[in-house]
């Protein structure tokens, strides 16, 4: 291949490389980031939840609650600490694995001991972790199952707590994909706001 032919193909190739690097590596990311910040401001900033002007968490990442006056979320299977977004993962235990049976049985026993007034059938999402280990939601059934414990610990009526559950329940997207869920952090913040008014 002569130098002229090499030069004929090399120059356009380098020009295209630089052009597409600028378009796909600089212009497109800046455009999509800018548009998302304008159109989906909250989501682009991590769906942060603020309390008294300070961020207390994200609507997309669960937190660990264990006090009796708070609703508890799903167990987290993240490796080094609960709800660690940098270590997102599930337990990867098959339903036939004895370790999963043992973990679920221990969680059921602990939940029944903490909620003796609730039905013996513990909602499944309170004893199994999600695939990400970061799920911020529980089912409405799981929230209702804990309502009596929380009401007693907060010295609230069951009707007050059930009203908060209803106010913090999100409907499925488009009304038919999935089931209604409750964001645990938002529900617990609503509980704090209600009891601070007393």
N, C-alpha and C. Protein backbone atom coordinates (compact mmCIF):
# COMPACT_ATOMS: atom_id res chain seq x y z
N UNK A 1 0.85 -1.19 0.00
CA UNK A 1 0.00 0.00 0.00
C UNK A 1 0.88 1.24 0.00
N UNK A 2 0.66 2.11 -0.93
CA UNK A 2 1.48 3.30 -1.06
C UNK A 2 1.12 4.32 0.01
N UNK A 3 2.02 5.29 0.21
CA UNK A 3 1.78 6.36 1.19
C UNK A 3 0.55 7.17 0.84
N UNK A 4 0.31 7.38 -0.43
CA UNK A 4 -0.85 8.17 -0.87
C UNK A 4 -2.15 7.48 -0.48
N UNK A 5 -2.19 6.16 -0.68
CA UNK A 5 -3.41 5.42 -0.33
C UNK A 5 -3.59 5.39 1.19
N UNK A 6 -2.46 5.18 1.92
CA UNK A 6 -2.52 5.21 3.39
C UNK A 6 -3.05 6.53 3.88
N UNK A 7 -2.52 7.61 3.33
CA UNK A 7 -2.91 8.96 3.72
C UNK A 7 -4.39 9.20 3.40
N UNK A 8 -4.83 8.66 2.27
CA UNK A 8 -6.22 8.83 1.84
C UNK A 8 -7.21 8.20 2.82
N UNK A 9 -6.86 7.08 3.43
CA UNK A 9 -7.76 6.40 4.36
C UNK A 9 -7.51 6.80 5.81
N UNK A 10 -6.27 7.12 6.14
CA UNK A 10 -5.92 7.42 7.52
C UNK A 10 -6.52 8.74 7.99
N UNK A 11 -6.42 9.76 7.17
CA UNK A 11 -6.93 11.08 7.58
C UNK A 11 -8.43 11.06 7.86
N UNK A 12 -9.29 10.54 6.95
CA UNK A 12 -10.73 10.50 7.25
C UNK A 12 -11.04 9.65 8.49
N UNK A 13 -10.28 8.58 8.68
CA UNK A 13 -10.50 7.72 9.85
C UNK A 13 -10.23 8.49 11.14
N UNK A 14 -9.13 9.23 11.18
CA UNK A 14 -8.80 10.01 12.37
C UNK A 14 -9.80 11.13 12.61
N UNK A 15 -10.23 11.77 11.52
CA UNK A 15 -11.23 12.84 11.64
C UNK A 15 -12.53 12.27 12.21
N UNK A 16 -12.98 11.13 11.70
CA UNK A 16 -14.21 10.50 12.20
C UNK A 16 -14.06 10.06 13.66
N UNK A 17 -12.89 9.56 14.01
CA UNK A 17 -12.64 9.16 15.40
C UNK A 17 -12.78 10.35 16.34
N UNK A 18 -12.16 11.46 15.99
CA UNK A 18 -12.24 12.66 16.83
C UNK A 18 -13.67 13.19 16.86
N UNK A 19 -14.33 13.21 15.70
CA UNK A 19 -15.70 13.72 15.61
C UNK A 19 -16.66 12.89 16.48
N UNK A 20 -16.62 11.56 16.33
CA UNK A 20 -17.54 10.72 17.10
C UNK A 20 -17.18 10.69 18.59
N UNK A 21 -15.91 10.87 18.91
CA UNK A 21 -15.53 10.99 20.32
C UNK A 21 -16.14 12.24 20.93
N UNK A 22 -16.09 13.34 20.20
CA UNK A 22 -16.69 14.58 20.70
C UNK A 22 -18.21 14.48 20.79
N UNK A 23 -18.84 13.88 19.77
CA UNK A 23 -20.31 13.79 19.76
C UNK A 23 -20.81 12.81 20.82
N UNK A 24 -20.28 11.59 20.82
CA UNK A 24 -20.81 10.56 21.74
C UNK A 24 -20.17 10.59 23.12
N UNK A 25 -18.97 11.13 23.22
CA UNK A 25 -18.28 11.13 24.51
C UNK A 25 -18.37 12.44 25.28
N UNK A 26 -18.72 13.53 24.58
CA UNK A 26 -18.80 14.84 25.25
C UNK A 26 -20.18 15.46 25.07
N UNK A 27 -20.58 15.72 23.83
CA UNK A 27 -21.83 16.46 23.58
C UNK A 27 -23.06 15.69 24.06
N UNK A 28 -23.17 14.41 23.70
CA UNK A 28 -24.35 13.63 24.09
C UNK A 28 -24.48 13.49 25.60
N UNK A 29 -23.42 13.12 26.34
CA UNK A 29 -23.57 13.05 27.80
C UNK A 29 -23.93 14.39 28.44
N UNK A 30 -23.34 15.50 27.94
CA UNK A 30 -23.69 16.81 28.48
C UNK A 30 -25.15 17.16 28.20
N UNK A 31 -25.62 16.84 27.00
CA UNK A 31 -27.00 17.13 26.64
C UNK A 31 -27.98 16.32 27.50
N UNK A 32 -27.75 15.03 27.63
CA UNK A 32 -28.68 14.20 28.41
C UNK A 32 -28.62 14.55 29.90
N UNK A 33 -27.44 14.87 30.41
CA UNK A 33 -27.33 15.28 31.81
C UNK A 33 -28.05 16.60 32.04
N UNK A 34 -27.87 17.54 31.13
CA UNK A 34 -28.54 18.84 31.25
C UNK A 34 -30.05 18.72 31.16
N UNK A 35 -30.54 17.92 30.20
CA UNK A 35 -31.99 17.73 30.06
C UNK A 35 -32.59 17.04 31.29
N UNK A 36 -31.89 16.02 31.80
CA UNK A 36 -32.42 15.33 32.98
C UNK A 36 -32.46 16.24 34.19
N UNK A 37 -31.48 17.13 34.32
CA UNK A 37 -31.47 18.08 35.43
C UNK A 37 -32.61 19.08 35.32
N UNK A 38 -33.02 19.39 34.09
CA UNK A 38 -34.13 20.32 33.89
C UNK A 38 -35.49 19.64 34.02
N UNK A 39 -35.65 18.48 33.38
CA UNK A 39 -36.95 17.83 33.31
C UNK A 39 -37.21 16.93 34.52
N UNK A 40 -36.19 16.21 34.98
CA UNK A 40 -36.33 15.28 36.12
C UNK A 40 -35.36 15.69 37.22
N UNK A 41 -35.53 16.88 37.73
CA UNK A 41 -34.56 17.45 38.69
C UNK A 41 -34.34 16.56 39.92
N UNK A 42 -35.42 16.12 40.55
CA UNK A 42 -35.30 15.31 41.76
C UNK A 42 -34.59 13.98 41.48
N UNK A 43 -35.03 13.30 40.40
CA UNK A 43 -34.44 12.01 40.07
C UNK A 43 -32.97 12.16 39.68
N UNK A 44 -32.62 13.23 38.97
CA UNK A 44 -31.24 13.44 38.55
C UNK A 44 -30.32 13.69 39.75
N UNK A 45 -30.90 14.14 40.85
CA UNK A 45 -30.11 14.40 42.05
C UNK A 45 -30.21 13.26 43.07
N UNK A 46 -30.71 12.10 42.64
CA UNK A 46 -30.72 10.94 43.50
C UNK A 46 -32.01 10.72 44.26
N UNK A 47 -33.08 11.43 43.91
CA UNK A 47 -34.38 11.30 44.60
C UNK A 47 -34.22 11.46 46.11
N UNK A 48 -33.44 12.47 46.51
CA UNK A 48 -33.16 12.69 47.92
C UNK A 48 -34.40 13.15 48.68
N UNK A 49 -34.49 12.72 49.92
CA UNK A 49 -35.57 13.12 50.83
C UNK A 49 -34.95 14.05 51.86
N UNK A 50 -35.57 15.22 52.04
CA UNK A 50 -35.04 16.23 52.96
C UNK A 50 -35.93 16.35 54.19
N UNK A 51 -35.30 16.59 55.32
CA UNK A 51 -35.99 16.85 56.58
C UNK A 51 -35.31 18.05 57.21
N UNK A 52 -36.06 19.10 57.43
CA UNK A 52 -35.53 20.35 57.98
C UNK A 52 -34.36 20.87 57.15
N UNK A 53 -34.48 20.73 55.83
CA UNK A 53 -33.48 21.26 54.92
C UNK A 53 -32.24 20.40 54.76
N UNK A 54 -32.18 19.25 55.44
CA UNK A 54 -31.01 18.37 55.33
C UNK A 54 -31.42 17.04 54.71
N UNK A 55 -30.58 16.49 53.83
CA UNK A 55 -30.92 15.19 53.25
C UNK A 55 -30.84 14.08 54.30
N UNK A 56 -31.89 13.26 54.36
CA UNK A 56 -31.92 12.16 55.33
C UNK A 56 -31.91 10.80 54.65
N UNK A 57 -31.93 10.81 53.33
CA UNK A 57 -31.90 9.55 52.60
C UNK A 57 -32.42 9.74 51.19
N UNK A 58 -32.57 8.64 50.50
CA UNK A 58 -33.08 8.64 49.14
C UNK A 58 -34.35 7.82 49.09
N UNK A 59 -35.28 8.23 48.25
CA UNK A 59 -36.52 7.46 48.06
C UNK A 59 -36.24 6.15 47.33
N UNK A 60 -35.02 5.97 46.82
CA UNK A 60 -34.69 4.80 46.03
C UNK A 60 -33.86 3.76 46.78
N UNK A 61 -33.36 4.13 47.98
CA UNK A 61 -32.50 3.21 48.74
C UNK A 61 -33.05 3.07 50.15
N UNK A 62 -33.27 1.84 50.57
CA UNK A 62 -33.81 1.57 51.89
C UNK A 62 -32.83 1.93 52.99
N UNK A 63 -33.35 1.98 54.20
CA UNK A 63 -32.53 2.21 55.38
C UNK A 63 -32.90 1.17 56.43
N UNK A 64 -31.98 0.94 57.34
CA UNK A 64 -32.22 -0.06 58.38
C UNK A 64 -32.90 0.58 59.58
N UNK A 65 -34.10 0.12 59.89
CA UNK A 65 -34.84 0.56 61.08
C UNK A 65 -35.06 -0.65 61.97
N UNK A 66 -34.80 -0.49 63.27
CA UNK A 66 -35.00 -1.63 64.17
C UNK A 66 -35.74 -1.24 65.46
N UNK A 67 -35.96 0.06 65.67
CA UNK A 67 -36.68 0.49 66.87
C UNK A 67 -38.16 0.13 66.74
N UNK A 68 -38.82 -0.20 67.85
CA UNK A 68 -40.23 -0.61 67.76
C UNK A 68 -41.18 0.50 67.32
N UNK A 69 -40.76 1.76 67.44
CA UNK A 69 -41.64 2.86 67.05
C UNK A 69 -41.48 3.26 65.59
N UNK A 70 -40.77 2.46 64.82
CA UNK A 70 -40.63 2.68 63.38
C UNK A 70 -41.07 1.44 62.62
N UNK A 71 -41.51 1.66 61.38
CA UNK A 71 -41.77 0.53 60.50
C UNK A 71 -40.43 -0.01 60.01
N UNK A 72 -40.38 -1.31 59.84
CA UNK A 72 -39.16 -1.97 59.38
C UNK A 72 -39.31 -2.34 57.91
N UNK A 73 -38.20 -2.26 57.18
CA UNK A 73 -38.20 -2.59 55.76
C UNK A 73 -37.80 -4.02 55.51
N UNK A 74 -37.53 -4.29 54.25
CA UNK A 74 -37.08 -5.63 53.87
C UNK A 74 -35.66 -5.87 54.38
N UNK A 75 -35.30 -7.11 54.64
CA UNK A 75 -33.90 -7.40 54.98
C UNK A 75 -33.00 -7.04 53.81
N UNK A 76 -31.79 -6.62 54.12
CA UNK A 76 -30.83 -6.27 53.08
C UNK A 76 -29.74 -7.34 53.02
N UNK A 77 -29.43 -7.77 51.81
CA UNK A 77 -28.39 -8.79 51.63
C UNK A 77 -27.07 -8.19 51.20
N UNK A 78 -26.93 -6.85 51.28
CA UNK A 78 -25.66 -6.25 50.90
C UNK A 78 -24.58 -6.75 51.84
N UNK A 79 -23.39 -6.94 51.30
CA UNK A 79 -22.37 -7.73 51.97
C UNK A 79 -21.86 -7.19 53.30
N UNK A 80 -21.40 -5.95 53.37
CA UNK A 80 -20.72 -5.52 54.59
C UNK A 80 -21.62 -4.77 55.57
N UNK A 81 -22.65 -4.08 55.10
CA UNK A 81 -23.59 -3.43 56.00
C UNK A 81 -24.93 -3.28 55.29
N UNK A 82 -25.99 -3.18 56.06
CA UNK A 82 -27.33 -3.13 55.48
C UNK A 82 -27.49 -1.91 54.58
N UNK A 83 -28.11 -2.12 53.43
CA UNK A 83 -28.46 -1.06 52.48
C UNK A 83 -27.24 -0.26 52.01
N UNK A 84 -26.11 -0.93 51.85
CA UNK A 84 -24.92 -0.27 51.32
C UNK A 84 -25.02 -0.26 49.79
N UNK A 85 -25.27 0.92 49.22
CA UNK A 85 -25.47 1.02 47.77
C UNK A 85 -24.22 0.64 46.99
N UNK A 86 -23.06 0.72 47.61
CA UNK A 86 -21.82 0.36 46.92
C UNK A 86 -21.63 -1.16 46.87
N UNK A 87 -22.45 -1.90 47.60
CA UNK A 87 -22.32 -3.36 47.62
C UNK A 87 -23.65 -4.02 47.27
N UNK A 88 -24.39 -3.41 46.38
CA UNK A 88 -25.72 -3.90 46.02
C UNK A 88 -25.65 -5.33 45.50
N UNK A 89 -26.47 -6.20 46.11
CA UNK A 89 -26.54 -7.59 45.65
C UNK A 89 -27.62 -8.31 46.44
N UNK A 90 -28.07 -9.41 45.90
CA UNK A 90 -28.98 -10.29 46.62
C UNK A 90 -28.18 -11.37 47.32
N UNK A 91 -28.88 -12.23 48.04
CA UNK A 91 -28.17 -13.31 48.74
C UNK A 91 -27.73 -14.40 47.78
N UNK A 92 -28.42 -14.51 46.63
CA UNK A 92 -28.16 -15.55 45.63
C UNK A 92 -28.33 -16.96 46.19
N UNK A 93 -29.14 -17.09 47.24
CA UNK A 93 -29.43 -18.41 47.79
C UNK A 93 -30.66 -18.98 47.11
N UNK A 94 -30.57 -20.21 46.64
CA UNK A 94 -31.71 -20.86 45.99
C UNK A 94 -32.74 -21.23 47.05
N UNK A 95 -33.98 -21.41 46.61
CA UNK A 95 -35.04 -21.77 47.57
C UNK A 95 -34.79 -23.14 48.20
N UNK A 96 -33.95 -23.93 47.57
CA UNK A 96 -33.62 -25.25 48.12
C UNK A 96 -32.44 -25.20 49.10
N UNK A 97 -31.85 -24.02 49.28
CA UNK A 97 -30.67 -23.88 50.14
C UNK A 97 -31.08 -23.84 51.61
N UNK A 98 -30.53 -24.72 52.45
CA UNK A 98 -30.87 -24.73 53.88
C UNK A 98 -30.51 -23.41 54.58
N UNK A 99 -29.50 -22.71 54.09
CA UNK A 99 -29.11 -21.43 54.70
C UNK A 99 -30.23 -20.40 54.55
N UNK A 100 -30.92 -20.41 53.41
CA UNK A 100 -32.05 -19.50 53.21
C UNK A 100 -33.20 -19.86 54.15
N UNK A 101 -33.49 -21.17 54.25
CA UNK A 101 -34.55 -21.61 55.18
C UNK A 101 -34.25 -21.17 56.60
N UNK A 102 -33.01 -21.31 57.01
CA UNK A 102 -32.60 -20.93 58.37
C UNK A 102 -32.75 -19.42 58.59
N UNK A 103 -32.27 -18.63 57.62
CA UNK A 103 -32.35 -17.17 57.74
C UNK A 103 -33.80 -16.70 57.81
N UNK A 104 -34.65 -17.27 56.95
CA UNK A 104 -36.06 -16.89 56.95
C UNK A 104 -36.73 -17.29 58.26
N UNK A 105 -36.43 -18.49 58.77
CA UNK A 105 -37.02 -18.94 60.03
C UNK A 105 -36.60 -18.03 61.19
N UNK A 106 -35.35 -17.60 61.19
CA UNK A 106 -34.87 -16.69 62.25
C UNK A 106 -35.56 -15.33 62.15
N UNK A 107 -35.74 -14.84 60.93
CA UNK A 107 -36.42 -13.55 60.74
C UNK A 107 -37.89 -13.64 61.16
N UNK A 108 -38.55 -14.73 60.81
CA UNK A 108 -39.95 -14.93 61.20
C UNK A 108 -40.07 -14.94 62.72
N UNK A 109 -39.20 -15.68 63.38
CA UNK A 109 -39.24 -15.75 64.85
C UNK A 109 -39.02 -14.38 65.48
N UNK A 110 -38.05 -13.62 64.97
CA UNK A 110 -37.77 -12.29 65.51
C UNK A 110 -38.94 -11.34 65.29
N UNK A 111 -39.55 -11.40 64.11
CA UNK A 111 -40.68 -10.53 63.82
C UNK A 111 -41.90 -10.89 64.66
N UNK A 112 -42.14 -12.17 64.84
CA UNK A 112 -43.28 -12.58 65.68
C UNK A 112 -43.07 -12.14 67.12
N UNK A 113 -41.83 -12.23 67.60
CA UNK A 113 -41.53 -11.81 68.98
C UNK A 113 -41.71 -10.30 69.13
N UNK A 114 -41.37 -9.53 68.11
CA UNK A 114 -41.50 -8.07 68.18
C UNK A 114 -42.92 -7.60 67.90
N UNK A 115 -43.72 -8.45 67.27
CA UNK A 115 -45.10 -8.10 66.91
C UNK A 115 -46.07 -9.18 67.39
N UNK A 116 -46.14 -9.43 68.69
CA UNK A 116 -46.97 -10.54 69.18
C UNK A 116 -48.47 -10.35 68.91
N UNK A 117 -48.89 -9.11 68.75
CA UNK A 117 -50.31 -8.82 68.52
C UNK A 117 -50.72 -9.01 67.06
N UNK A 118 -49.75 -9.20 66.16
CA UNK A 118 -50.06 -9.35 64.73
C UNK A 118 -50.34 -10.80 64.39
N UNK A 119 -50.90 -11.01 63.21
CA UNK A 119 -51.22 -12.37 62.76
C UNK A 119 -49.94 -13.20 62.67
N UNK A 120 -50.03 -14.51 62.91
CA UNK A 120 -48.82 -15.35 62.86
C UNK A 120 -48.19 -15.44 61.47
N UNK A 121 -48.98 -15.23 60.42
CA UNK A 121 -48.46 -15.28 59.05
C UNK A 121 -47.72 -13.98 58.74
N UNK A 122 -46.39 -14.04 58.69
CA UNK A 122 -45.57 -12.86 58.44
C UNK A 122 -45.50 -12.61 56.93
N UNK A 123 -45.75 -11.37 56.47
CA UNK A 123 -45.65 -11.10 55.03
C UNK A 123 -44.26 -11.45 54.50
N UNK A 124 -44.23 -12.05 53.33
CA UNK A 124 -42.99 -12.59 52.78
C UNK A 124 -41.93 -11.53 52.56
N UNK A 125 -42.32 -10.29 52.22
CA UNK A 125 -41.30 -9.28 51.94
C UNK A 125 -40.59 -8.80 53.20
N UNK A 126 -41.10 -9.13 54.38
CA UNK A 126 -40.40 -8.77 55.62
C UNK A 126 -39.34 -9.79 56.01
N UNK A 127 -39.32 -10.95 55.34
CA UNK A 127 -38.35 -11.99 55.70
C UNK A 127 -37.43 -12.38 54.55
N UNK A 128 -37.63 -11.79 53.37
CA UNK A 128 -36.76 -12.09 52.23
C UNK A 128 -36.21 -10.78 51.67
N UNK A 129 -34.96 -10.81 51.26
CA UNK A 129 -34.34 -9.60 50.70
C UNK A 129 -34.63 -9.51 49.21
N UNK A 130 -34.53 -8.31 48.68
CA UNK A 130 -34.74 -8.11 47.26
C UNK A 130 -33.45 -8.46 46.50
N UNK A 131 -33.55 -8.48 45.18
CA UNK A 131 -32.39 -8.82 44.36
C UNK A 131 -31.27 -7.81 44.52
N UNK A 132 -31.62 -6.54 44.75
CA UNK A 132 -30.59 -5.51 44.89
C UNK A 132 -30.09 -5.40 46.33
N UNK A 133 -30.92 -5.81 47.29
CA UNK A 133 -30.58 -5.62 48.70
C UNK A 133 -30.80 -4.19 49.16
N UNK A 134 -31.41 -3.35 48.31
CA UNK A 134 -31.56 -1.93 48.62
C UNK A 134 -33.02 -1.47 48.60
N UNK A 135 -33.96 -2.39 48.46
CA UNK A 135 -35.36 -2.04 48.25
C UNK A 135 -35.89 -1.12 49.35
N UNK A 136 -36.39 0.08 48.99
CA UNK A 136 -36.89 1.01 50.00
C UNK A 136 -38.36 0.80 50.34
N UNK A 137 -39.03 -0.12 49.63
CA UNK A 137 -40.46 -0.30 49.79
C UNK A 137 -40.82 -1.61 50.47
N UNK A 138 -41.99 -1.60 51.09
CA UNK A 138 -42.62 -2.84 51.55
C UNK A 138 -44.04 -2.84 51.01
N UNK A 139 -44.66 -3.98 51.04
CA UNK A 139 -46.05 -4.08 50.59
C UNK A 139 -46.96 -3.41 51.62
N UNK A 140 -48.15 -3.06 51.18
CA UNK A 140 -49.14 -2.49 52.10
C UNK A 140 -49.46 -3.51 53.19
N UNK A 141 -49.50 -4.78 52.83
CA UNK A 141 -49.75 -5.85 53.80
C UNK A 141 -48.67 -5.85 54.89
N UNK A 142 -47.41 -5.67 54.49
CA UNK A 142 -46.31 -5.67 55.46
C UNK A 142 -46.38 -4.46 56.38
N UNK A 143 -46.82 -3.32 55.85
CA UNK A 143 -46.98 -2.13 56.69
C UNK A 143 -48.14 -2.33 57.67
N UNK A 144 -49.25 -2.84 57.17
CA UNK A 144 -50.41 -3.08 58.05
C UNK A 144 -50.08 -4.10 59.14
N UNK A 145 -49.25 -5.09 58.81
CA UNK A 145 -48.89 -6.12 59.77
C UNK A 145 -48.13 -5.53 60.96
N UNK A 146 -47.37 -4.45 60.74
CA UNK A 146 -46.58 -3.81 61.80
C UNK A 146 -47.30 -2.67 62.50
N UNK A 147 -48.46 -2.30 61.99
CA UNK A 147 -49.14 -1.08 62.46
C UNK A 147 -49.44 -1.09 63.95
N UNK A 148 -49.88 -2.21 64.49
CA UNK A 148 -50.23 -2.26 65.92
C UNK A 148 -49.01 -2.02 66.81
N UNK A 149 -47.88 -2.61 66.44
CA UNK A 149 -46.66 -2.39 67.22
C UNK A 149 -46.26 -0.92 67.21
N UNK A 150 -46.28 -0.31 66.04
CA UNK A 150 -45.88 1.09 65.91
C UNK A 150 -46.85 2.00 66.65
N UNK A 151 -48.15 1.73 66.52
CA UNK A 151 -49.15 2.55 67.21
C UNK A 151 -48.96 2.49 68.72
N UNK A 152 -48.70 1.31 69.24
CA UNK A 152 -48.50 1.17 70.69
C UNK A 152 -47.22 1.88 71.13
N UNK A 153 -46.15 1.73 70.37
CA UNK A 153 -44.87 2.35 70.73
C UNK A 153 -44.95 3.87 70.65
N UNK A 154 -45.74 4.39 69.74
CA UNK A 154 -45.87 5.85 69.56
C UNK A 154 -47.02 6.45 70.36
N UNK A 155 -47.80 5.58 71.01
CA UNK A 155 -48.99 6.03 71.73
C UNK A 155 -49.96 6.76 70.79
N UNK A 156 -50.15 6.15 69.62
CA UNK A 156 -51.10 6.64 68.62
C UNK A 156 -52.22 5.62 68.48
N UNK A 157 -53.32 6.05 67.91
CA UNK A 157 -54.38 5.08 67.64
C UNK A 157 -54.04 4.33 66.36
N UNK A 158 -54.62 3.14 66.24
CA UNK A 158 -54.39 2.35 65.04
C UNK A 158 -54.93 3.08 63.81
N UNK A 159 -56.01 3.81 63.98
CA UNK A 159 -56.58 4.58 62.86
C UNK A 159 -55.60 5.65 62.37
N UNK A 160 -54.90 6.31 63.30
CA UNK A 160 -53.92 7.33 62.91
C UNK A 160 -52.79 6.70 62.09
N UNK A 161 -52.31 5.56 62.55
CA UNK A 161 -51.21 4.88 61.86
C UNK A 161 -51.67 4.36 60.50
N UNK A 162 -52.87 3.78 60.46
CA UNK A 162 -53.40 3.28 59.17
C UNK A 162 -53.60 4.42 58.19
N UNK A 163 -54.00 5.59 58.67
CA UNK A 163 -54.15 6.75 57.79
C UNK A 163 -52.81 7.14 57.18
N UNK A 164 -51.75 7.13 58.00
CA UNK A 164 -50.42 7.44 57.49
C UNK A 164 -49.97 6.42 56.44
N UNK A 165 -50.28 5.16 56.68
CA UNK A 165 -49.93 4.12 55.70
C UNK A 165 -50.62 4.42 54.37
N UNK A 166 -51.90 4.75 54.44
CA UNK A 166 -52.64 5.07 53.23
C UNK A 166 -52.08 6.28 52.50
N UNK A 167 -51.70 7.31 53.26
CA UNK A 167 -51.16 8.53 52.65
C UNK A 167 -49.79 8.32 52.02
N UNK A 168 -49.07 7.30 52.47
CA UNK A 168 -47.72 7.04 51.96
C UNK A 168 -47.66 5.80 51.07
N UNK A 169 -48.81 5.38 50.57
CA UNK A 169 -48.87 4.24 49.65
C UNK A 169 -48.82 4.76 48.22
N UNK A 170 -47.93 4.18 47.43
CA UNK A 170 -47.79 4.54 46.01
C UNK A 170 -48.51 3.51 45.16
N UNK A 171 -49.31 3.99 44.23
CA UNK A 171 -50.02 3.10 43.32
C UNK A 171 -49.06 2.56 42.27
N UNK A 172 -49.40 1.43 41.66
CA UNK A 172 -48.55 0.89 40.59
C UNK A 172 -48.44 1.86 39.42
N UNK A 173 -47.33 1.79 38.71
CA UNK A 173 -47.14 2.62 37.52
C UNK A 173 -48.23 2.27 36.50
N UNK A 174 -48.86 3.28 35.94
CA UNK A 174 -49.94 3.14 34.97
C UNK A 174 -51.16 2.42 35.53
N UNK A 175 -51.15 2.17 36.84
CA UNK A 175 -52.30 1.58 37.49
C UNK A 175 -52.41 0.07 37.40
N UNK A 176 -51.51 -0.59 36.69
CA UNK A 176 -51.65 -2.05 36.57
C UNK A 176 -50.32 -2.81 36.63
N UNK A 177 -49.19 -2.15 36.59
CA UNK A 177 -47.91 -2.87 36.63
C UNK A 177 -47.40 -2.93 38.07
N UNK A 178 -47.49 -4.07 38.67
CA UNK A 178 -47.03 -4.24 40.05
C UNK A 178 -48.16 -4.09 41.04
N UNK A 179 -47.79 -3.82 42.27
CA UNK A 179 -48.76 -3.69 43.35
C UNK A 179 -48.48 -2.40 44.11
N UNK A 180 -49.45 -1.91 44.88
CA UNK A 180 -49.20 -0.73 45.71
C UNK A 180 -48.10 -1.02 46.73
N UNK A 181 -47.23 -0.04 46.96
CA UNK A 181 -46.13 -0.21 47.91
C UNK A 181 -46.02 1.01 48.81
N UNK A 182 -45.32 0.83 49.91
CA UNK A 182 -45.11 1.89 50.89
C UNK A 182 -43.61 2.13 51.02
N UNK A 183 -43.19 3.39 50.87
CA UNK A 183 -41.79 3.74 51.08
C UNK A 183 -41.55 3.87 52.58
N UNK A 184 -40.70 3.02 53.14
CA UNK A 184 -40.52 2.92 54.59
C UNK A 184 -39.95 4.21 55.18
N UNK A 185 -38.96 4.81 54.53
CA UNK A 185 -38.37 6.05 55.05
C UNK A 185 -39.40 7.16 55.08
N UNK A 186 -40.15 7.33 54.01
CA UNK A 186 -41.16 8.39 53.98
C UNK A 186 -42.24 8.17 55.03
N UNK A 187 -42.65 6.92 55.22
CA UNK A 187 -43.65 6.60 56.24
C UNK A 187 -43.13 6.91 57.63
N UNK A 188 -41.87 6.56 57.90
CA UNK A 188 -41.30 6.84 59.21
C UNK A 188 -41.11 8.33 59.46
N UNK A 189 -40.78 9.08 58.42
CA UNK A 189 -40.69 10.54 58.56
C UNK A 189 -42.07 11.14 58.83
N UNK A 190 -43.09 10.59 58.20
CA UNK A 190 -44.46 11.05 58.47
C UNK A 190 -44.86 10.75 59.91
N UNK A 191 -44.43 9.61 60.42
CA UNK A 191 -44.68 9.27 61.83
C UNK A 191 -44.01 10.28 62.76
N UNK A 192 -42.75 10.60 62.48
CA UNK A 192 -42.03 11.59 63.29
C UNK A 192 -42.73 12.94 63.26
N UNK A 193 -43.19 13.34 62.07
CA UNK A 193 -43.86 14.63 61.94
C UNK A 193 -45.16 14.63 62.74
N UNK A 194 -45.90 13.52 62.72
CA UNK A 194 -47.16 13.45 63.45
C UNK A 194 -46.94 13.49 64.95
N UNK A 195 -45.96 12.73 65.43
CA UNK A 195 -45.74 12.70 66.89
C UNK A 195 -45.09 13.96 67.39
N UNK A 196 -44.39 14.70 66.54
CA UNK A 196 -43.79 15.96 66.99
C UNK A 196 -44.85 17.05 67.18
N UNK A 197 -46.02 16.85 66.58
CA UNK A 197 -47.12 17.81 66.72
C UNK A 197 -47.89 17.62 68.02
N UNK A 198 -47.71 16.48 68.65
CA UNK A 198 -48.46 16.19 69.88
C UNK A 198 -47.97 17.01 71.06
